Amino acid sequence: MGSFSIWHWLVVLMIVLLVFGTGKVSTLMGDFAKGIKAFKKNMADDSDVSMEASAERPAATIAAPPPASPVQPVRDTAPIHHS
């Protein structure tokens, strides 16, 4: 009972097609595919631009991060009373 069989998925698919109709489902899947293609294209463009920018900069000009500031402990000024 832990997993769904192929028959469960076919029934779900039939219900979705009946509720939304085939036109809306195909339009939705087409829009989804366009979104994935645009995402992949932008990811490829961004990585190409970042690789070009790092290739143009010499390694000596890359600045080191600033040193971390020392952390001061917080002291409680209220006296502790033991009963």
Protein backbone atom coordinates (compact mmCIF):
# COMPACT_ATOMS: atom_id res chain seq x y z
CA MET A 1 0.00 0.00 0.00
CA GLY A 2 3.10 2.22 0.19
CA SER A 3 3.52 2.86 -3.52
CA PHE A 4 1.18 3.59 -6.40
CA SER A 5 0.85 1.22 -9.31
CA ILE A 6 0.57 2.22 -12.95
CA TRP A 7 -3.23 1.90 -12.69
CA HIS A 8 -3.36 4.53 -9.96
CA TRP A 9 -1.42 6.97 -12.13
CA LEU A 10 -3.61 6.26 -15.17
CA VAL A 11 -6.75 7.01 -13.15
CA VAL A 12 -5.22 10.26 -11.88
CA LEU A 13 -4.25 11.21 -15.44
CA MET A 14 -7.77 10.52 -16.70
CA ILE A 15 -9.29 12.66 -13.94
CA VAL A 16 -6.89 15.52 -14.71
CA LEU A 17 -7.74 15.32 -18.41
CA LEU A 18 -11.46 15.32 -17.65
CA VAL A 19 -11.23 18.28 -15.28
CA PHE A 20 -8.88 20.49 -17.27
CA GLY A 21 -9.40 19.22 -20.81
CA THR A 22 -6.65 18.33 -23.25
CA GLY A 23 -6.22 21.90 -24.55
CA LYS A 24 -5.33 23.39 -21.19
CA VAL A 25 -3.00 20.53 -20.28
CA SER A 26 -1.06 20.76 -23.56
CA THR A 27 -0.83 24.56 -23.25
CA LEU A 28 0.38 24.23 -19.68
CA MET A 29 3.01 21.64 -20.62
CA GLY A 30 4.17 23.81 -23.55
CA ASP A 31 4.59 26.80 -21.25
CA PHE A 32 6.43 24.61 -18.76
CA ALA A 33 8.83 23.41 -21.48
CA LYS A 34 9.45 27.00 -22.62
CA GLY A 35 10.25 27.98 -19.05
CA ILE A 36 12.77 25.15 -18.68
CA LYS A 37 14.43 26.05 -22.00
CA ALA A 38 14.70 29.71 -20.97
CA PHE A 39 16.13 28.70 -17.59
CA LYS A 40 18.78 26.47 -19.20
CA LYS A 41 19.67 29.20 -21.70
CA ASN A 42 20.08 31.80 -18.96
CA MET A 43 22.12 29.44 -16.81
CA ALA A 44 24.47 28.77 -19.75
CA ASP A 45 24.75 32.50 -20.50
CA ASP A 46 25.50 33.38 -16.88
CA SER A 47 28.22 30.75 -16.54
CA ASP A 48 29.82 31.89 -19.83
CA VAL A 49 29.84 35.51 -18.68
CA SER A 50 31.29 34.64 -15.26
CA MET A 51 34.00 32.50 -16.88
CA GLU A 52 34.91 35.32 -19.28
CA ALA A 53 35.05 37.85 -16.42
CA SER A 54 37.32 35.63 -14.34
CA ALA A 55 39.58 34.97 -17.33
CA GLU A 56 39.98 38.71 -17.98
CA ARG A 57 41.04 39.45 -14.39
CA PRO A 58 44.56 38.49 -13.35
CA ALA A 59 44.74 36.34 -10.22
CA ALA A 60 46.79 38.96 -8.30
CA THR A 61 43.97 41.53 -8.43
CA ILE A 62 41.49 39.30 -6.62
CA ALA A 63 41.20 40.79 -3.15
CA ALA A 64 41.23 38.66 -0.03
CA PRO A 65 38.15 38.89 2.17
CA PRO A 66 38.44 41.30 5.10
CA PRO A 67 39.51 39.75 8.39
CA ALA A 68 36.71 38.80 10.74
CA SER A 69 36.15 41.14 13.66
CA PRO A 70 36.84 39.61 17.07
CA VAL A 71 33.71 38.62 18.93
CA GLN A 72 33.31 40.21 22.35
CA PRO A 73 31.52 38.13 25.00
CA VAL A 74 28.42 39.75 26.45
CA ARG A 75 28.57 40.15 30.21
CA ASP A 76 25.48 40.13 32.34
CA THR A 77 25.67 42.90 34.93
CA ALA A 78 22.86 41.57 37.10
CA PRO A 79 24.07 39.80 40.25
CA ILE A 80 23.23 36.14 40.64
CA HIS A 81 21.39 35.28 43.86
CA HIS A 82 21.49 31.73 45.15
CA SER A 83 18.76 30.68 47.56
